[in-house]
Protein backbone atom coordinates (compact mmCIF):
# COMPACT_ATOMS: atom_id res chain seq x y z
CA UNK A 1 -59.53 -18.93 -47.28
CA UNK A 2 -61.57 -17.03 -49.86
CA UNK A 3 -61.12 -17.77 -53.55
CA UNK A 4 -57.35 -18.27 -53.41
CA UNK A 5 -56.24 -21.74 -54.54
CA UNK A 6 -54.02 -23.77 -52.28
CA UNK A 7 -50.46 -24.23 -53.46
CA UNK A 8 -49.02 -27.68 -53.03
CA UNK A 9 -45.48 -27.44 -51.69
CA UNK A 10 -43.45 -30.63 -52.05
CA UNK A 11 -41.59 -32.11 -49.12
CA UNK A 12 -38.99 -33.36 -51.58
CA UNK A 13 -38.79 -34.10 -55.24
CA UNK A 14 -39.93 -32.17 -58.23
CA UNK A 15 -42.33 -29.31 -57.52
CA UNK A 16 -45.53 -28.97 -59.53
CA UNK A 17 -44.95 -27.72 -63.08
CA UNK A 18 -46.14 -24.29 -64.13
CA UNK A 19 -47.67 -23.48 -67.48
CA UNK A 20 -44.99 -22.36 -69.96
CA UNK A 21 -46.46 -18.85 -70.32
CA UNK A 22 -46.30 -18.19 -66.59
CA UNK A 23 -43.16 -16.42 -65.39
CA UNK A 24 -41.23 -18.40 -62.81
CA UNK A 25 -40.68 -16.64 -59.54
CA UNK A 26 -37.00 -16.33 -58.66
CA UNK A 27 -35.94 -16.54 -55.04
CA UNK A 28 -32.65 -15.16 -53.82
CA UNK A 29 -31.95 -15.84 -50.18
CA UNK A 30 -30.41 -13.05 -48.10
CA UNK A 31 -26.67 -13.21 -47.54
CA UNK A 32 -25.44 -15.15 -44.54
CA UNK A 33 -23.78 -13.20 -41.75
CA UNK A 34 -20.24 -12.28 -42.82
CA UNK A 35 -18.86 -13.31 -39.44
CA UNK A 36 -20.38 -16.78 -39.73
CA UNK A 37 -19.01 -17.18 -43.26
CA UNK A 38 -15.53 -16.18 -42.07
CA UNK A 39 -15.80 -18.59 -39.14
CA UNK A 40 -16.76 -21.41 -41.51
CA UNK A 41 -13.93 -20.59 -43.90
CA UNK A 42 -11.38 -20.87 -41.07
CA UNK A 43 -13.01 -24.06 -39.77
CA UNK A 44 -12.87 -25.67 -43.21
CA UNK A 45 -9.11 -25.13 -43.29
CA UNK A 46 -8.73 -26.53 -39.76
CA UNK A 47 -10.83 -29.67 -40.20
CA UNK A 48 -14.01 -31.53 -39.38
CA UNK A 49 -14.07 -30.94 -35.59
CA UNK A 50 -13.97 -27.20 -36.16
CA UNK A 51 -16.76 -27.37 -38.76
CA UNK A 52 -18.82 -29.37 -36.23
CA UNK A 53 -18.21 -26.57 -33.72
CA UNK A 54 -19.50 -23.99 -36.22
CA UNK A 55 -22.66 -26.06 -36.75
CA UNK A 56 -23.19 -26.32 -33.00
CA UNK A 57 -22.60 -22.59 -32.55
CA UNK A 58 -24.84 -21.64 -35.51
CA UNK A 59 -27.43 -24.43 -35.94
CA UNK A 60 -29.44 -22.47 -38.54
CA UNK A 61 -26.37 -21.97 -40.78
CA UNK A 62 -27.32 -24.02 -43.87
CA UNK A 63 -23.92 -23.85 -45.57
CA UNK A 64 -22.20 -25.18 -42.42
CA UNK A 65 -24.52 -28.20 -42.30
CA UNK A 66 -23.87 -28.95 -45.97
CA UNK A 67 -20.10 -28.58 -45.57
CA UNK A 68 -20.09 -30.82 -42.50
CA UNK A 69 -22.05 -33.43 -44.44
CA UNK A 70 -19.52 -33.31 -47.26
CA UNK A 71 -16.73 -33.92 -44.75
CA UNK A 72 -18.66 -36.82 -43.24
CA UNK A 73 -19.10 -38.33 -46.70
CA UNK A 74 -15.37 -37.94 -47.38
CA UNK A 75 -14.64 -40.01 -44.25
CA UNK A 76 -17.09 -42.66 -45.42
CA UNK A 77 -19.91 -41.99 -42.96
CA UNK A 78 -22.87 -42.05 -45.35
CA UNK A 79 -25.43 -41.99 -42.49
CA UNK A 80 -23.94 -38.83 -40.94
CA UNK A 81 -23.65 -37.22 -44.38
CA UNK A 82 -27.29 -38.03 -45.14
CA UNK A 83 -28.40 -36.60 -41.79
CA UNK A 84 -26.45 -33.36 -42.33
CA UNK A 85 -27.84 -33.11 -45.87
CA UNK A 86 -31.40 -33.50 -44.56
CA UNK A 87 -30.87 -30.71 -42.03
CA UNK A 88 -29.39 -28.39 -44.67
CA UNK A 89 -32.17 -29.22 -47.11
CA UNK A 90 -35.06 -28.73 -44.69
CA UNK A 91 -33.62 -25.58 -43.13
CA UNK A 92 -33.12 -24.33 -46.68
CA UNK A 93 -36.72 -25.06 -47.66
CA UNK A 94 -37.92 -23.22 -44.57
CA UNK A 95 -35.76 -20.21 -45.41
CA UNK A 96 -36.85 -20.24 -49.06
CA UNK A 97 -40.52 -20.24 -48.02
CA UNK A 98 -39.91 -17.33 -45.64
CA UNK A 99 -38.48 -15.39 -48.59
CA UNK A 100 -41.29 -15.93 -51.07
CA UNK A 101 -40.66 -19.33 -52.62
CA UNK A 102 -43.98 -21.13 -52.94
CA UNK A 103 -42.88 -24.57 -54.05
CA UNK A 104 -42.07 -23.58 -57.61
CA UNK A 105 -39.67 -21.16 -59.14
CA UNK A 106 -36.01 -20.55 -59.68
CA UNK A 107 -33.25 -20.79 -57.07
CA UNK A 108 -29.98 -20.24 -58.93
CA UNK A 109 -26.51 -21.48 -57.97
CA UNK A 110 -25.15 -18.25 -59.52
CA UNK A 111 -26.55 -16.42 -56.48
CA UNK A 112 -23.98 -17.07 -53.71
CA UNK A 113 -26.61 -16.75 -50.99
CA UNK A 114 -28.54 -19.71 -52.49
CA UNK A 115 -25.55 -22.04 -52.48
CA UNK A 116 -25.93 -23.41 -48.96
CA UNK A 117 -29.37 -24.77 -49.80
CA UNK A 118 -28.37 -26.08 -53.23
CA UNK A 119 -25.19 -27.61 -51.78
CA UNK A 120 -27.36 -29.36 -49.19
CA UNK A 121 -29.71 -30.67 -51.89
CA UNK A 122 -26.73 -31.86 -53.94
CA UNK A 123 -25.34 -33.61 -50.88
CA UNK A 124 -28.72 -35.22 -50.24
CA UNK A 125 -28.59 -36.62 -53.78
CA UNK A 126 -25.04 -37.91 -53.30
CA UNK A 127 -25.66 -39.42 -49.85
CA UNK A 128 -28.94 -40.99 -50.97
CA UNK A 129 -27.19 -42.57 -53.95
CA UNK A 130 -24.37 -43.85 -51.71
CA UNK A 131 -26.96 -45.36 -49.36
CA UNK A 132 -28.78 -47.06 -52.24
CA UNK A 133 -31.82 -44.78 -51.92
CA UNK A 134 -32.10 -44.46 -55.69
CA UNK A 135 -35.60 -42.95 -55.84
CA UNK A 136 -34.48 -40.15 -53.52
CA UNK A 137 -31.31 -39.55 -55.54
CA UNK A 138 -33.37 -39.35 -58.73
CA UNK A 139 -35.84 -36.89 -57.15
CA UNK A 140 -33.01 -34.70 -55.88
CA UNK A 141 -31.37 -34.54 -59.31
CA UNK A 142 -34.70 -33.59 -60.93
CA UNK A 143 -35.30 -30.97 -58.24
CA UNK A 144 -31.84 -29.42 -58.76
CA UNK A 145 -32.53 -29.13 -62.48
CA UNK A 146 -35.98 -27.67 -61.84
CA UNK A 147 -34.67 -25.09 -59.39
CA UNK A 148 -31.65 -23.94 -61.38
CA UNK A 149 -32.35 -23.81 -65.12
CA UNK A 150 -28.75 -22.60 -65.62
CA UNK A 151 -27.57 -25.89 -64.04
CA UNK A 152 -24.78 -24.27 -62.07
CA UNK A 153 -23.94 -27.60 -60.43
CA UNK A 154 -23.82 -29.54 -63.71
CA UNK A 155 -26.53 -32.01 -62.65
CA UNK A 156 -27.70 -32.52 -66.24
CA UNK A 157 -24.48 -34.45 -66.91
CA UNK A 158 -25.10 -36.81 -63.97
CA UNK A 159 -26.96 -40.09 -64.38
CA UNK A 160 -30.76 -39.79 -64.28
CA UNK A 161 -30.74 -42.30 -61.44
CA UNK A 162 -27.36 -42.08 -59.65
CA UNK A 163 -26.46 -45.27 -57.82
CA UNK A 164 -24.08 -46.30 -55.08
CA UNK A 165 -21.23 -46.77 -57.57
CA UNK A 166 -21.56 -43.20 -58.90
CA UNK A 167 -18.84 -40.74 -57.91
CA UNK A 168 -20.19 -37.21 -57.74
CA UNK A 169 -18.00 -34.37 -58.95
CA UNK A 170 -17.15 -31.74 -56.36
CA UNK A 171 -19.42 -28.70 -56.39
CA UNK A 172 -17.98 -25.56 -57.98
CA UNK A 173 -16.61 -23.03 -55.54
């Protein structure tokens, strides 16, 4: 181990704060495969069964998991939406760590390649709120604001503690 301090990486919620004078590392995930993105775009026009097929064909495709979860939420299946959001979120954390994110730093919505992860985190907030998991919804909102200081999703305008009666605005495209 040597003299290097351990970095605590959160499983969920707000990462540890850095001192104000420290620059915040910015992580930009690599672009998804263009063929997978095109496949998802077609599937989204065709409907939920086709999006499910994309997820099954590309299980590491974060954006597909998040989009499937949004469709599940639209049909009223909060449990399926929450499960899809969890997959997108955890796959996204794994990918962020592989690309230099150490539990703190910036992950901006303005970078299209980051949107699958952030969409999954947003969906986790929405599904948690719908399920009455208010602590989780609150943590997810704080985490979105911590990750994206530009607030590309508009989370600052959402309630601090979104509840089951809260209707989330659609994410920007």
